[in-house]
Protein backbone atom coordinates (compact mmCIF):
# COMPACT_ATOMS: atom_id res chain seq x y z
CA MET A 1 -0.05 -0.19 -0.10
CA ALA A 2 1.38 3.50 -1.04
CA ARG A 3 2.18 5.70 1.91
CA ASN A 4 0.94 8.99 2.23
CA HIS A 5 3.87 11.47 2.82
CA ASP A 6 1.86 14.71 2.47
CA SER A 7 2.01 14.84 6.43
CA PHE A 8 3.80 13.35 9.13
CA GLU A 9 1.72 12.18 12.03
CA PRO A 10 3.08 10.59 15.48
CA HIS A 11 2.21 7.23 16.06
CA VAL A 12 -0.52 6.08 17.96
CA PRO A 13 -0.18 3.60 20.38
CA THR A 14 -2.60 0.63 20.92
CA PRO A 15 -3.66 -0.29 23.81
CA SER A 16 -3.11 -3.91 25.66
CA GLY A 17 -6.51 -3.55 27.23
CA ALA A 18 -9.49 -1.38 27.29
CA LEU A 19 -9.25 2.54 27.73
CA ARG A 20 -10.08 3.59 31.02
CA CYS A 21 -11.89 6.94 30.80
CA LEU A 22 -13.62 8.84 33.71
CA VAL A 23 -16.02 11.66 31.92
CA THR A 24 -17.10 14.80 34.07
CA GLY A 25 -18.19 18.16 33.31
CA CYS A 26 -20.88 20.65 33.51
CA ALA A 27 -24.21 19.29 32.63
CA GLY A 28 -25.90 20.73 29.21
CA LYS A 29 -25.80 20.34 25.53
CA THR A 30 -21.79 19.99 25.37
CA LEU A 31 -21.41 17.16 27.75
CA ALA A 32 -24.50 15.33 25.98
CA ALA A 33 -22.62 15.88 22.95
CA VAL A 34 -19.54 14.49 24.72
CA GLU A 35 -21.06 11.26 25.91
CA HIS A 36 -22.71 10.74 22.56
CA ALA A 37 -19.10 11.05 20.67
CA LEU A 38 -17.67 8.53 23.34
CA THR A 39 -20.08 5.74 21.91
CA THR A 40 -18.45 6.38 18.42
CA ILE A 41 -15.07 5.87 19.25
CA GLN A 42 -13.01 3.00 17.82
CA VAL A 43 -11.69 0.94 20.85
CA ASP A 44 -13.27 -0.82 23.79
CA LEU A 45 -14.05 2.10 26.51
CA VAL A 46 -14.46 1.49 30.07
CA ARG A 47 -16.33 3.89 32.32
CA ALA A 48 -14.11 4.10 35.22
CA ASP A 49 -15.35 5.79 38.86
CA ALA A 50 -12.20 6.58 38.84
CA THR A 51 -9.55 4.50 39.96
CA ASP A 52 -6.59 4.90 37.68
CA PRO A 53 -8.32 6.31 34.53
CA ASP A 54 -6.12 6.25 31.43
CA VAL A 55 -8.04 9.64 30.31
CA LEU A 56 -9.77 12.19 32.57
CA ILE A 57 -12.43 14.08 30.39
CA VAL A 58 -13.84 17.36 31.59
CA ALA A 59 -16.71 18.54 29.12
CA GLY A 60 -18.70 21.91 29.10
CA ALA A 61 -19.22 24.90 26.98
CA ALA A 62 -16.09 27.11 26.58
CA ASP A 63 -17.71 30.07 27.87
CA SER A 64 -19.32 28.42 30.96
CA PRO A 65 -18.16 30.24 34.21
CA SER A 66 -17.93 26.88 36.21
CA LEU A 67 -15.82 25.09 33.54
CA ARG A 68 -12.38 26.37 35.22
CA ASP A 69 -13.57 25.28 38.50
CA ARG A 70 -14.36 21.56 37.35
CA ILE A 71 -10.80 21.18 35.39
CA THR A 72 -9.03 22.15 38.66
CA GLN A 73 -10.89 19.71 40.61
CA ALA A 74 -10.63 17.33 38.07
CA ARG A 75 -6.81 17.94 37.93
CA ASN A 76 -6.51 17.74 41.99
CA ALA A 77 -8.46 14.64 42.14
CA HIS A 78 -6.39 12.69 39.72
CA PRO A 79 -3.08 14.44 39.27
CA ASP A 80 -1.15 11.27 37.31
CA ALA A 81 -4.02 10.86 34.65
CA ALA A 82 -4.17 12.82 31.10
CA LEU A 83 -6.33 15.83 31.39
CA VAL A 84 -8.58 16.21 27.77
CA VAL A 85 -10.85 19.27 27.67
CA MET A 86 -13.86 18.89 25.46
CA VAL A 87 -15.42 21.88 24.45
CA ASP A 88 -18.28 23.27 21.96
CA ARG A 89 -15.54 26.00 20.22
CA GLY A 90 -11.87 27.19 21.31
CA ALA A 91 -11.08 30.19 23.42
CA MET A 92 -7.33 31.40 23.74
CA ASP A 93 -7.83 32.21 27.56
CA LEU A 94 -9.18 28.62 28.16
CA ALA A 95 -6.34 27.32 26.10
CA GLY A 96 -4.00 29.33 28.35
CA PHE A 97 -5.64 27.77 31.60
CA CYS A 98 -5.83 24.51 30.36
CA MET A 99 -1.86 24.54 30.12
CA GLN A 100 -1.47 25.78 33.52
CA GLN A 101 -3.48 22.84 34.67
CA SER A 102 -1.10 20.52 32.11
CA ALA A 103 -4.10 19.50 30.25
CA ALA A 104 -2.79 16.82 27.38
CA ASP A 105 -5.26 18.10 24.86
CA ILE A 106 -8.29 20.31 24.03
CA ILE A 107 -10.96 19.14 21.78
CA GLU A 108 -13.17 21.09 19.64
CA LEU A 109 -16.54 19.14 19.23
CA PRO A 110 -17.87 17.93 16.73
CA ILE A 111 -15.23 15.47 15.72
CA ALA A 112 -14.93 12.73 13.79
CA PRO A 113 -14.56 9.21 15.72
CA ALA A 114 -11.55 8.26 13.98
CA GLU A 115 -9.70 11.68 15.21
CA LEU A 116 -11.50 11.13 18.60
CA THR A 117 -9.92 7.77 19.09
CA ARG A 118 -6.48 8.99 17.71
CA ARG A 119 -6.15 11.60 20.37
CA LEU A 120 -7.46 10.00 23.30
CA LEU A 121 -5.09 7.13 22.41
CA LEU A 122 -2.67 9.02 22.57
CA ALA A 123 -3.60 11.12 25.94
CA ALA A 124 -3.64 7.70 27.63
CA ALA A 125 -0.07 6.66 26.37
CA ARG A 126 0.91 9.85 27.59
CA THR A 127 -0.37 8.87 31.11
CA ARG A 128 1.26 5.23 30.48
CA ASP A 129 4.60 7.10 29.79
CA ALA A 130 4.47 9.50 32.65
CA ALA A 131 3.83 6.52 35.23
CA LYS A 132 7.13 5.26 33.49
CA LEU A 133 9.10 8.13 34.11
CA ARG A 134 7.67 8.33 37.78
CA THR A 135 9.15 4.70 38.05
CA LEU A 136 12.37 5.29 36.82
CA ALA A 137 13.10 8.61 38.58
CA ALA A 138 12.14 6.65 41.75
CA LYS A 139 14.51 4.04 41.19
CA ARG A 140 17.11 6.70 40.25
CA ALA A 141 16.53 8.67 43.55
CA ALA A 142 16.91 5.08 45.48
CA ARG A 143 20.10 4.67 43.43
CA ILE A 144 21.57 8.33 44.89
CA ARG A 145 20.22 7.97 48.20
CA ASP A 146 22.26 4.73 48.75
CA LEU A 147 25.02 6.14 46.87
CA LYS A 148 24.67 8.96 49.42
CA ARG A 149 24.35 6.77 52.48
CA GLN A 150 27.82 4.99 51.05
CA LEU A 151 29.60 7.75 50.64
CA THR A 152 28.73 9.11 54.01
CA GLN A 153 29.71 5.94 55.59
CA GLN A 154 33.12 6.11 54.11
CA GLN A 155 33.57 9.50 55.30
CA ASP A 156 32.70 8.64 58.69
CA ALA A 157 35.15 5.93 58.57
CA MET A 158 37.89 8.22 57.31
CA THR A 159 36.99 10.67 59.77
CA GLN A 160 37.72 8.03 62.62
CA GLN A 161 40.89 6.93 61.51
CA VAL A 162 42.61 9.90 60.69
CA GLY A 163 41.07 12.41 63.07
CA GLY A 164 42.12 15.66 63.16
CA VAL A 165 45.24 15.25 61.12
CA CYS A 166 43.37 14.54 58.03
CA GLU A 167 40.83 17.22 58.27
CA ASP A 168 41.78 18.91 55.28
CA ILE A 169 41.65 15.48 53.42
CA ALA A 170 38.19 15.23 54.52
CA GLN A 171 36.87 18.48 54.01
CA SER A 172 38.35 17.57 50.03
CA TYR A 173 36.44 14.80 50.19
CA ARG A 174 33.23 16.27 51.27
CA ASP A 175 33.82 18.82 48.55
CA VAL A 176 33.95 16.12 45.94
CA ALA A 177 30.78 14.27 46.99
CA THR A 178 28.62 17.71 46.83
CA GLY A 179 29.91 18.10 43.34
CA PHE A 180 29.33 14.89 42.44
CA SER A 181 25.90 15.09 43.66
CA GLN A 182 25.15 17.98 41.74
CA GLN A 183 26.36 16.50 38.57
CA LEU A 184 23.92 13.45 39.46
CA ARG A 185 21.09 15.76 39.55
CA THR A 186 22.46 17.75 36.29
CA ALA A 187 22.43 14.20 34.59
CA GLN A 188 18.59 13.37 36.00
CA LEU A 189 17.15 16.77 34.57
CA ILE A 190 18.99 16.28 31.34
CA THR A 191 17.72 12.66 31.08
CA GLU A 192 14.02 13.47 32.31
CA THR A 193 14.03 16.33 29.41
CA GLN A 194 15.35 14.35 26.70
CA THR A 195 12.99 11.52 27.54
CA LEU A 196 9.78 13.52 27.75
CA LEU A 197 10.35 15.64 24.55
CA ARG A 198 11.15 12.81 22.48
CA LEU A 199 8.27 11.97 22.87
CA GLU A 200 6.80 14.75 21.24
CA LEU A 201 6.75 14.29 17.27
CA ASP A 202 4.83 17.40 15.98
CA VAL A 203 5.57 20.96 16.67
CA GLU A 204 2.56 21.97 18.60
CA SER A 205 2.71 19.14 21.23
CA LEU A 206 6.64 19.88 21.44
CA LEU A 207 5.90 23.73 22.42
CA ARG A 208 3.01 22.53 24.39
CA THR A 209 4.80 19.94 26.37
CA THR A 210 8.23 22.32 27.01
CA LEU A 211 6.39 25.11 28.82
CA GLU A 212 4.24 22.88 30.68
CA PHE A 213 7.50 20.83 31.95
CA MET A 214 9.36 24.46 32.27
CA LEU A 215 6.95 25.74 34.48
CA ARG A 216 7.22 22.44 36.94
CA LYS A 217 10.88 22.73 36.97
CA VAL A 218 11.40 26.49 37.58
CA GLY A 219 7.79 27.56 39.33
CA PRO A 220 5.68 30.23 38.44
CA VAL A 221 6.63 32.28 35.35
CA ASN A 222 5.69 33.98 32.33
CA ALA A 223 6.28 31.93 29.28
CA ALA A 224 6.40 32.38 25.12
CA ILE A 225 7.74 30.36 22.49
CA PHE A 226 8.23 32.47 18.97
CA LEU A 227 8.70 30.87 15.67
CA PRO A 228 10.34 32.80 12.67
CA GLY A 229 7.63 33.13 9.87
CA THR A 230 8.43 33.25 6.23
CA CYS A 231 8.84 37.06 5.84
CA GLY A 232 11.36 37.45 8.48
CA ASP A 233 8.91 38.24 11.25
CA PHE A 234 8.52 35.97 14.21
CA THR A 235 4.66 34.32 15.38
CA LEU A 236 3.73 33.27 18.39
CA GLY A 237 3.86 29.68 19.07
CA ALA A 238 2.59 29.15 22.52
CA TYR A 239 2.63 31.04 25.77
CA VAL A 240 1.55 30.56 29.32
CA ASN A 241 0.51 33.70 31.40
CA TYR A 242 0.96 33.55 34.63
CA ASP A 243 0.63 37.27 36.41
CA CYS A 244 0.11 39.72 33.51
CA PRO A 245 -2.73 41.81 33.65
CA ARG A 246 -5.53 40.40 30.90
CA ASP A 247 -5.92 43.44 29.29
CA ALA A 248 -2.33 43.99 28.55
CA ALA A 249 -1.43 40.39 27.49
CA GLN A 250 -1.81 41.62 23.64
CA GLY A 251 0.58 44.22 24.36
CA MET A 252 3.01 42.24 25.79
CA LEU A 253 2.91 39.54 23.09
CA GLU A 254 3.53 42.32 20.56
CA ASP A 255 6.33 43.80 22.46
CA LEU A 256 7.96 40.28 22.71
CA CYS A 257 7.18 39.33 18.64
CA ASN A 258 8.11 42.67 17.38
CA LEU A 259 11.03 43.32 19.89
CA LEU A 260 12.32 40.54 21.55
CA ALA A 261 12.39 37.73 19.61
CA PRO A 262 14.12 39.66 16.26
CA ALA A 263 16.48 41.02 18.61
CA PHE A 264 17.95 37.16 19.38
CA GLU A 265 17.44 36.34 15.70
CA THR A 266 21.37 36.39 15.26
CA ARG A 267 22.43 35.65 19.21
CA PRO A 268 22.22 31.98 19.63
CA GLY A 269 22.22 30.75 23.32
CA LEU A 270 21.02 31.55 26.45
CA HIS A 271 20.79 35.67 27.63
CA VAL A 272 20.04 36.89 31.29
CA ILE A 273 18.24 39.91 31.17
CA PRO A 274 18.10 41.12 34.90
CA ASP A 275 16.85 44.72 34.33
CA ALA A 276 16.09 47.53 31.91
CA ALA A 277 19.87 48.69 31.42
CA ARG A 278 20.87 45.60 30.29
CA ALA A 279 17.42 45.18 27.99
CA THR A 280 18.34 48.41 26.32
CA HIS A 281 21.58 47.28 25.62
CA LEU A 282 20.38 44.16 23.84
CA ILE A 283 16.85 45.12 22.45
CA GLY A 284 17.49 49.11 22.10
CA ASP A 285 15.53 51.83 23.65
CA GLN A 286 11.83 50.50 22.71
CA ILE A 287 11.58 47.81 25.38
CA GLY A 288 7.85 48.55 26.55
CA PHE A 289 7.08 46.08 29.34
CA MET A 290 10.34 44.31 29.43
CA ALA A 291 11.80 47.42 31.54
CA GLU A 292 9.85 46.17 34.65
CA ASN A 293 10.62 42.39 34.29
CA ALA A 294 13.49 40.13 34.37
CA LEU A 295 14.13 37.58 31.49
CA ILE A 296 15.70 34.74 30.46
CA VAL A 297 15.59 34.28 26.49
CA ASN A 298 17.32 31.24 24.66
CA SER A 299 17.47 31.31 20.55
CA SER A 300 17.47 27.92 19.28
CA VAL A 301 19.62 27.29 16.08
CA SER A 302 19.75 24.79 13.36
CA ASP A 303 21.99 24.40 10.45
CA GLY A 304 23.07 28.64 11.22
CA GLU A 305 19.27 29.66 11.00
CA CYS A 306 17.04 30.62 14.31
CA ILE A 307 14.47 27.88 14.78
CA ALA A 308 12.77 29.18 17.99
CA VAL A 309 13.20 31.89 20.39
CA LEU A 310 12.05 30.76 24.01
CA SER A 311 11.46 33.27 26.71
CA ILE A 312 10.52 33.32 30.63
CA PHE A 313 9.84 36.37 32.69
CA ARG A 314 8.55 37.80 35.94
CA ASP A 315 8.74 41.07 37.85
CA LYS A 316 12.48 42.21 38.13
CA ARG A 317 11.99 42.22 41.85
CA GLN A 318 12.09 38.62 41.89
CA PRO A 319 15.30 37.71 39.79
CA PHE A 320 16.53 34.47 38.78
CA ASP A 321 18.94 32.57 40.38
CA GLN A 322 22.09 30.52 38.83
CA SER A 323 20.11 27.17 39.70
CA THR A 324 17.14 28.26 37.54
CA ILE A 325 19.45 29.75 34.85
CA ASP A 326 20.97 26.48 34.86
CA THR A 327 17.58 24.52 34.79
CA VAL A 328 16.33 26.64 31.41
CA ARG A 329 19.64 26.31 29.73
CA ILE A 330 19.29 22.50 29.97
CA ILE A 331 15.51 22.50 28.81
CA ALA A 332 15.94 25.05 26.32
CA ASP A 333 18.82 22.88 24.91
CA ARG A 334 17.02 19.60 24.51
CA PHE A 335 13.80 21.77 22.91
CA GLY A 336 16.30 23.26 20.64
CA ASP A 337 17.77 19.55 19.64
CA GLN A 338 14.13 18.02 19.49
CA LEU A 339 12.73 20.77 17.47
CA THR A 340 15.61 20.46 14.95
CA ARG A 341 14.58 16.61 14.74
CA VAL A 342 11.25 17.39 14.06
CA ILE A 343 11.69 20.07 11.44
CA LYS A 344 13.85 17.67 9.50
CA THR A 345 11.67 14.77 10.22
CA ASN A 346 8.80 16.68 8.70
CA SER A 347 11.05 17.70 5.53
CA ARG A 348 11.70 14.41 4.85
CA HIS A 349 8.06 13.53 4.48
CA LYS A 350 7.31 16.41 2.26
CA PRO A 351 6.49 15.56 -1.55
CA ALA A 352 9.17 16.21 -3.92
CA ARG A 353 8.65 19.21 -6.22
CA ASP A 354 7.45 18.05 -9.61
CA ALA A 355 10.07 19.24 -12.21
CA ARG A 356 7.06 21.42 -14.16
CA ASP A 357 6.96 23.25 -11.09
CA VAL A 358 10.45 24.34 -10.87
CA ALA A 359 10.33 25.19 -14.53
């Protein structure tokens, strides 16, 4: 059978058993439409009361005042399940809220049965992958604790043997142990980031997962990723609004698109902007709202061209410490690597141009 190379779709995993699904939401037409849609999916469905659901579905009208409360309650009740929000129409503010709640997907009704099946299976796979990551992290933590215990035992034994004569040696040993622990933590973050981002095989999912992971690791911040356009400008790929007033969000995004992102197109790597003076030096006199914020900006480059500009920012009275800067650097580097991989993979699957088109 010939394969269609016009687009690249991520592999949809096949579950080993039935799909365990918990549905909640605001009573009304949208919830009824969701219940009907679930009867059409192309996989066995078990309605869980909800011990360990694979997928947690919250349904409601996008403008319903109680929908956000339902989403928050569902996420708090089942933090380890993939959260899927099904609504009657899309809304930008709702999308931002769902990202803050680590939603796996937002589905607009109506939707074809095959597409609904595909997206629910992807969400279920995310739940299982997250469980594997937690198990792996627990094993690594146990190994680190055991290593720390062994190091402590060795340190105590050496201290008892040599006493005060070898205090300098013992101190050096402690310094080495501390440095080794830091290296272990760094290696763990690198592995966790690579394992998570390699699961994302399309640009949109990669952007969303990167911002969700960034917020979990660095805490409350505003974050955005910008992608270069075809006309030399930049467009917003994804963002999370943590503490900016909603009525100022549009101006904030315009400043970032028009001023921040182009300024770092030819400045690859990570840049820390703690105050207005540094922002003016790097961006110019027109820095807008950035004058009151501390920023970290990373420009990802592939084959000599900028492929994305990632930025996080918050009030300059809460500057970023070195630990946060190091964490952002690790995540941004792995994001750039995976984005390069996704772009090249999609490019390989594009159909070759007809010779007549070139002529």
